[in-house]
Amino acid sequence: MSTARGLGGRDLVLVLLICIAWALNFLTSAYALREIPPFLFTAVRLSILALVLVWFVKPPPQGQWPRMVAVAMFNGVLHFGLSFWALHLAGDLASPAIAMQSYVPMAAVLAWFLLGERFGWRTGLAIAISFAGVLVLGFDPIVLDAPMSLVLMLISALFLAIGTVVMKRLSGVDMFSQQGWTAILSVLPLLVLSAVFEPGGFAGLRDATWIGWGGALYSAVFASMLGHGLYYVLVQRHPVAQVTPWLLLAPMGAIVLGMLFWGDRPGPRLWIGGAMVLGGVLIIALRAMAKLRAVPVAEDI
């Protein structure tokens, strides 16, 4: 694994494919959510993923099942379910795509609080900038039209941050087994949530067109299997901190797609708040990269 060199030409192509797949997932899912309610859509997505990966999953090592179940509940059920609900309520693609990135500073704070991981003042400042950016973003008129969307996406990001911290304690589980078990364990709880909170959702699923089913298929195959599969390849070759800054191209791509195909017209508060959130995330990633490249001789790393 390289710690000194950045991503080369071939790996830059891979990270670009990941970002394109994830950016397009916002657009295709937004269209699909017009036909299939969010929890049910998430269940369909993960059912497709489970059917493909069930043949490749390996049981977690002894003692790892509780963490695996927790990861599935936090990431598969709560994060995905709430994020698609937020996207369904939003009037744009830009604000959900940006707000989701707040999981990075949330994860840094949780790792400090729960795992004792230290960070310096520059990282702390970046975390504060990101959270302040969310506040600025929240006052954009298009966000104020659907404030619950922002609230749900922030809660979704918090569950993803918790799931990320739990995954740091998960050992002996490869990426495909992790994806597979997350999908397998999440489907039934999502169907229960859909039955409770989305009455008539199953009837809507029967009436869904190729747009709804295609969105779920794209989300499972391209966003999950291709996107996360290629991400796993990259983190086998490079430290996560070297890959993370490039992944900010995904929300930026979602913003562009929203303007081109969804009719988004971001206002100044969204641009400023978005720049603060993404800028803070970038600084956190760059400080993590600096920590890998240099011997920590001071607290500020």
Protein backbone atom coordinates (compact mmCIF):
# COMPACT_ATOMS: atom_id res chain seq x y z
CA MET A 1 0.00 0.00 0.00
CA SER A 2 1.39 3.38 -1.03
CA THR A 3 1.55 6.19 1.49
CA ALA A 4 3.90 8.57 -0.28
CA ARG A 5 2.58 8.67 -3.83
CA GLY A 6 -0.84 9.87 -4.83
CA LEU A 7 -3.24 8.16 -7.17
CA GLY A 8 -1.79 7.38 -10.59
CA GLY A 9 -3.48 7.65 -13.98
CA ARG A 10 -5.30 4.30 -13.89
CA ASP A 11 -6.53 4.83 -10.34
CA LEU A 12 -7.69 8.36 -11.17
CA VAL A 13 -9.86 6.81 -13.89
CA LEU A 14 -11.29 4.40 -11.30
CA VAL A 15 -12.07 7.16 -8.80
CA LEU A 16 -13.69 9.16 -11.60
CA LEU A 17 -15.92 6.17 -12.42
CA ILE A 18 -16.88 5.92 -8.74
CA CYS A 19 -17.81 9.60 -8.57
CA ILE A 20 -19.82 9.44 -11.80
CA ALA A 21 -21.70 6.37 -10.54
CA TRP A 22 -22.48 7.99 -7.19
CA ALA A 23 -23.43 11.36 -8.69
CA LEU A 24 -25.80 9.72 -11.18
CA ASN A 25 -27.32 7.76 -8.29
CA PHE A 26 -28.77 11.00 -6.90
CA LEU A 27 -30.46 11.76 -10.22
CA THR A 28 -31.76 8.27 -11.06
CA SER A 29 -32.96 7.72 -7.49
CA ALA A 30 -34.75 11.09 -7.41
CA TYR A 31 -36.73 10.08 -10.50
CA ALA A 32 -37.41 6.59 -9.11
CA LEU A 33 -38.63 8.01 -5.79
CA ARG A 34 -41.48 9.70 -7.65
CA GLU A 35 -42.92 6.19 -8.13
CA ILE A 36 -41.60 4.10 -5.22
CA PRO A 37 -41.65 5.38 -1.60
CA PRO A 38 -38.23 5.74 0.08
CA PHE A 39 -38.12 2.81 2.55
CA LEU A 40 -39.57 0.45 -0.04
CA PHE A 41 -37.16 1.77 -2.68
CA THR A 42 -34.27 1.10 -0.30
CA ALA A 43 -35.59 -2.42 0.36
CA VAL A 44 -35.81 -3.11 -3.39
CA ARG A 45 -32.27 -1.77 -3.94
CA LEU A 46 -30.82 -3.92 -1.16
CA SER A 47 -32.86 -6.97 -2.22
CA ILE A 48 -31.23 -6.80 -5.66
CA LEU A 49 -27.84 -6.38 -4.02
CA ALA A 50 -28.50 -9.31 -1.65
CA LEU A 51 -29.54 -11.62 -4.50
CA VAL A 52 -26.28 -10.92 -6.31
CA LEU A 53 -23.90 -11.04 -3.34
CA VAL A 54 -25.47 -13.84 -1.27
CA TRP A 55 -23.32 -16.34 -3.20
CA PHE A 56 -20.11 -14.57 -2.21
CA VAL A 57 -20.63 -13.64 1.44
CA LYS A 58 -18.63 -15.28 4.18
CA PRO A 59 -19.78 -15.47 7.81
CA PRO A 60 -18.12 -12.89 10.07
CA PRO A 61 -15.53 -14.28 12.49
CA GLN A 62 -16.66 -15.33 15.94
CA GLY A 63 -17.58 -12.34 18.07
CA GLN A 64 -18.06 -10.01 15.06
CA TRP A 65 -21.77 -10.68 14.45
CA PRO A 66 -23.03 -7.93 16.83
CA ARG A 67 -20.89 -5.34 15.01
CA MET A 68 -21.98 -6.66 11.61
CA VAL A 69 -25.65 -6.37 12.60
CA ALA A 70 -25.04 -2.86 13.97
CA VAL A 71 -23.36 -1.79 10.73
CA ALA A 72 -26.32 -3.14 8.75
CA MET A 73 -28.85 -1.31 10.91
CA PHE A 74 -26.98 2.01 10.97
CA ASN A 75 -25.83 2.03 7.34
CA GLY A 76 -28.32 -0.12 5.48
CA VAL A 77 -31.60 0.64 7.26
CA LEU A 78 -31.24 4.05 8.91
CA HIS A 79 -28.72 5.81 6.67
CA PHE A 80 -30.02 4.62 3.30
CA GLY A 81 -33.68 4.72 4.31
CA LEU A 82 -33.54 8.26 5.69
CA SER A 83 -31.27 9.59 2.93
CA PHE A 84 -33.70 8.44 0.24
CA TRP A 85 -36.57 9.91 2.26
CA ALA A 86 -34.68 13.21 2.38
CA LEU A 87 -34.02 13.06 -1.37
CA HIS A 88 -37.71 12.35 -1.96
CA LEU A 89 -38.74 15.45 0.00
CA ALA A 90 -36.06 17.77 -1.38
CA GLY A 91 -36.80 20.23 -4.15
CA ASP A 92 -33.28 19.89 -5.51
CA LEU A 93 -30.33 17.50 -5.76
CA ALA A 94 -27.63 19.89 -4.57
CA SER A 95 -28.61 20.34 -0.92
CA PRO A 96 -29.05 16.60 -0.13
CA ALA A 97 -25.78 15.76 -1.91
CA ILE A 98 -23.92 18.40 0.09
CA ALA A 99 -25.61 17.71 3.43
CA MET A 100 -24.72 14.02 3.18
CA GLN A 101 -21.01 14.93 3.28
CA SER A 102 -21.45 16.17 6.85
CA TYR A 103 -20.97 12.56 7.92
CA VAL A 104 -17.21 13.13 7.56
CA PRO A 105 -16.88 15.74 10.34
CA MET A 106 -19.49 13.83 12.38
CA ALA A 107 -17.39 10.66 12.10
CA ALA A 108 -14.27 12.59 13.16
CA VAL A 109 -16.03 13.90 16.28
CA LEU A 110 -17.48 10.47 17.13
CA ALA A 111 -14.08 8.79 16.65
CA TRP A 112 -12.59 11.34 19.05
CA PHE A 113 -15.39 10.86 21.59
CA LEU A 114 -15.79 7.07 21.36
CA LEU A 115 -12.41 5.79 20.17
CA GLY A 116 -10.10 8.43 21.60
CA GLU A 117 -8.73 9.42 18.18
CA ARG A 118 -7.06 12.83 18.45
CA PHE A 119 -7.06 15.63 15.91
CA GLY A 120 -5.33 19.02 15.84
CA TRP A 121 -6.71 22.52 15.71
CA ARG A 122 -6.78 22.69 11.91
CA THR A 123 -8.98 19.61 11.71
CA GLY A 124 -11.13 21.02 14.52
CA LEU A 125 -11.50 24.27 12.59
CA ALA A 126 -12.46 22.34 9.46
CA ILE A 127 -15.13 20.47 11.42
CA ALA A 128 -16.53 23.77 12.70
CA ILE A 129 -16.52 25.24 9.17
CA SER A 130 -18.43 22.23 7.83
CA PHE A 131 -21.11 22.45 10.51
CA ALA A 132 -21.39 26.23 10.02
CA GLY A 133 -21.81 25.57 6.30
CA VAL A 134 -24.81 23.37 7.05
CA LEU A 135 -26.40 26.30 8.92
CA VAL A 136 -25.79 28.63 5.97
CA LEU A 137 -27.13 26.00 3.59
CA GLY A 138 -30.28 25.70 5.70
CA PHE A 139 -31.24 29.31 5.00
CA ASP A 140 -31.27 28.89 1.23
CA PRO A 141 -34.86 29.44 -0.05
CA ILE A 142 -35.07 26.05 -1.79
CA VAL A 143 -34.02 24.34 1.45
CA LEU A 144 -36.46 26.42 3.50
CA ASP A 145 -39.23 25.17 1.20
CA ALA A 146 -38.53 21.62 2.42
CA PRO A 147 -36.65 21.93 5.74
CA MET A 148 -37.49 18.36 6.76
CA SER A 149 -35.33 17.13 3.89
CA LEU A 150 -32.24 18.77 5.40
CA VAL A 151 -33.10 17.49 8.89
CA LEU A 152 -33.54 13.92 7.63
CA MET A 153 -30.32 14.03 5.61
CA LEU A 154 -28.36 15.27 8.62
CA ILE A 155 -29.83 12.47 10.76
CA SER A 156 -28.99 10.05 7.96
CA ALA A 157 -25.42 11.38 7.88
CA LEU A 158 -25.18 10.91 11.65
CA PHE A 159 -26.18 7.26 11.35
CA LEU A 160 -23.61 6.81 8.57
CA ALA A 161 -20.98 8.39 10.81
CA ILE A 162 -21.92 6.02 13.65
CA GLY A 163 -21.81 3.09 11.22
CA THR A 164 -18.38 4.24 10.01
CA VAL A 165 -17.05 4.28 13.56
CA VAL A 166 -18.51 0.81 14.24
CA MET A 167 -16.90 -0.49 11.03
CA LYS A 168 -13.49 0.50 12.42
CA ARG A 169 -14.01 -2.18 15.07
CA LEU A 170 -15.26 -4.75 12.52
CA SER A 171 -12.50 -7.19 11.59
CA GLY A 172 -12.21 -10.22 9.34
CA VAL A 173 -14.99 -9.13 6.98
CA ASP A 174 -14.13 -8.27 3.35
CA MET A 175 -15.89 -5.51 1.44
CA PHE A 176 -18.22 -7.82 -0.52
CA SER A 177 -19.24 -9.78 2.57
CA GLN A 178 -19.84 -6.50 4.36
CA GLN A 179 -22.02 -5.22 1.52
CA GLY A 180 -23.78 -8.56 1.21
CA TRP A 181 -24.60 -8.95 4.91
CA THR A 182 -25.66 -5.30 5.13
CA ALA A 183 -28.14 -5.92 2.31
CA ILE A 184 -29.36 -9.28 3.62
CA LEU A 185 -29.89 -8.05 7.18
CA SER A 186 -31.52 -4.76 6.13
CA VAL A 187 -34.29 -5.92 3.80
CA LEU A 188 -36.79 -7.19 6.41
CA PRO A 189 -36.53 -4.12 8.73
CA LEU A 190 -36.95 -1.84 5.71
CA LEU A 191 -40.06 -3.74 4.58
CA VAL A 192 -41.49 -3.38 8.09
CA LEU A 193 -40.75 0.37 8.11
CA SER A 194 -42.36 0.69 4.70
CA ALA A 195 -45.49 -1.16 5.85
CA VAL A 196 -45.78 1.16 8.87
CA PHE A 197 -44.86 4.53 7.35
CA GLU A 198 -45.73 4.07 3.67
CA PRO A 199 -49.29 2.71 3.45
CA GLY A 200 -50.08 1.82 -0.12
CA GLY A 201 -46.41 1.63 -0.99
CA PHE A 202 -46.57 -1.97 -2.19
CA ALA A 203 -49.42 -1.05 -4.54
CA GLY A 204 -47.26 1.75 -5.89
CA LEU A 205 -44.46 -0.74 -6.45
CA ARG A 206 -46.75 -2.85 -8.63
CA ASP A 207 -47.57 0.22 -10.71
CA ALA A 208 -43.96 1.42 -10.99
CA THR A 209 -42.59 1.91 -14.50
CA TRP A 210 -39.12 1.18 -15.82
CA ILE A 211 -38.04 4.50 -14.26
CA GLY A 212 -38.71 3.26 -10.73
CA TRP A 213 -37.34 -0.24 -11.24
CA GLY A 214 -34.45 1.07 -13.32
CA GLY A 215 -33.53 3.51 -10.57
CA ALA A 216 -33.43 0.71 -8.00
CA LEU A 217 -31.41 -1.50 -10.35
CA TYR A 218 -28.95 1.30 -11.09
CA SER A 219 -28.59 2.07 -7.39
CA ALA A 220 -27.82 -1.58 -6.57
CA VAL A 221 -25.56 -2.43 -9.50
CA PHE A 222 -23.71 0.80 -10.23
CA ALA A 223 -23.80 2.79 -6.98
CA SER A 224 -23.28 -0.19 -4.66
CA MET A 225 -21.51 -2.99 -6.51
CA LEU A 226 -19.51 -0.93 -9.00
CA GLY A 227 -18.97 2.18 -6.87
CA HIS A 228 -18.16 0.46 -3.59
CA GLY A 229 -16.37 -2.38 -5.34
CA LEU A 230 -13.98 0.02 -7.09
CA TYR A 231 -13.60 1.96 -3.85
CA TYR A 232 -12.50 -1.26 -2.16
CA VAL A 233 -9.92 -1.79 -4.93
CA LEU A 234 -8.54 1.72 -4.40
CA VAL A 235 -8.27 1.46 -0.62
CA GLN A 236 -6.35 -1.79 -1.09
CA ARG A 237 -3.75 0.18 -3.05
CA HIS A 238 -3.81 3.53 -1.23
CA PRO A 239 -4.60 4.86 2.26
CA VAL A 240 -8.22 5.96 2.62
CA ALA A 241 -7.03 9.53 3.24
CA GLN A 242 -5.55 9.67 -0.27
CA VAL A 243 -8.82 8.55 -1.86
CA THR A 244 -11.28 10.64 0.17
CA PRO A 245 -10.50 14.09 -1.33
CA TRP A 246 -11.27 12.80 -4.82
CA LEU A 247 -14.67 11.50 -3.70
CA LEU A 248 -15.84 15.10 -3.27
CA LEU A 249 -16.25 15.04 -7.05
CA ALA A 250 -19.41 12.96 -6.45
CA PRO A 251 -21.50 15.69 -4.73
CA MET A 252 -20.10 18.24 -7.17
CA GLY A 253 -21.26 16.01 -10.02
CA ALA A 254 -24.69 15.71 -8.40
CA ILE A 255 -24.92 19.52 -8.27
CA VAL A 256 -24.13 19.74 -11.99
CA LEU A 257 -26.62 17.00 -12.86
CA GLY A 258 -29.26 18.74 -10.77
CA MET A 259 -28.76 21.95 -12.71
CA LEU A 260 -28.79 20.18 -16.08
CA PHE A 261 -31.63 17.69 -15.61
CA TRP A 262 -33.55 18.45 -12.40
CA GLY A 263 -34.01 22.18 -12.85
CA ASP A 264 -31.89 23.19 -9.84
CA ARG A 265 -31.08 26.88 -9.53
CA PRO A 266 -28.82 27.09 -6.46
CA GLY A 267 -28.95 30.41 -4.63
CA PRO A 268 -25.99 32.22 -3.03
CA ARG A 269 -26.59 30.68 0.40
CA LEU A 270 -26.48 27.20 -1.07
CA TRP A 271 -23.25 27.98 -2.94
CA ILE A 272 -21.62 29.52 0.13
CA GLY A 273 -22.86 26.88 2.57
CA GLY A 274 -21.96 24.10 0.14
CA ALA A 275 -18.47 25.49 -0.30
CA MET A 276 -18.05 25.61 3.49
CA VAL A 277 -19.25 22.02 3.97
CA LEU A 278 -17.20 20.55 1.12
CA GLY A 279 -14.21 22.75 1.95
CA GLY A 280 -14.26 21.56 5.55
CA VAL A 281 -14.48 17.94 4.42
CA LEU A 282 -11.55 18.49 2.05
CA ILE A 283 -9.41 20.00 4.81
CA ILE A 284 -10.21 17.06 7.12
CA ALA A 285 -9.16 14.64 4.38
CA LEU A 286 -5.97 16.56 3.59
CA ARG A 287 -5.00 16.71 7.28
CA ALA A 288 -5.52 12.95 7.51
CA MET A 289 -3.29 12.54 4.46
CA ALA A 290 -0.64 14.77 6.05
CA LYS A 291 -0.76 12.61 9.15
CA LEU A 292 0.06 9.57 7.03
CA ARG A 293 2.94 11.26 5.20
CA ALA A 294 4.68 12.90 8.15
CA VAL A 295 5.92 11.75 11.51
CA PRO A 296 3.55 13.29 14.10
CA VAL A 297 5.84 15.57 16.03
CA ALA A 298 3.16 18.00 17.17
CA GLU A 299 -0.46 17.84 18.21
CA ASP A 300 -1.60 19.71 15.11
CA ILE A 301 -1.77 16.90 12.57
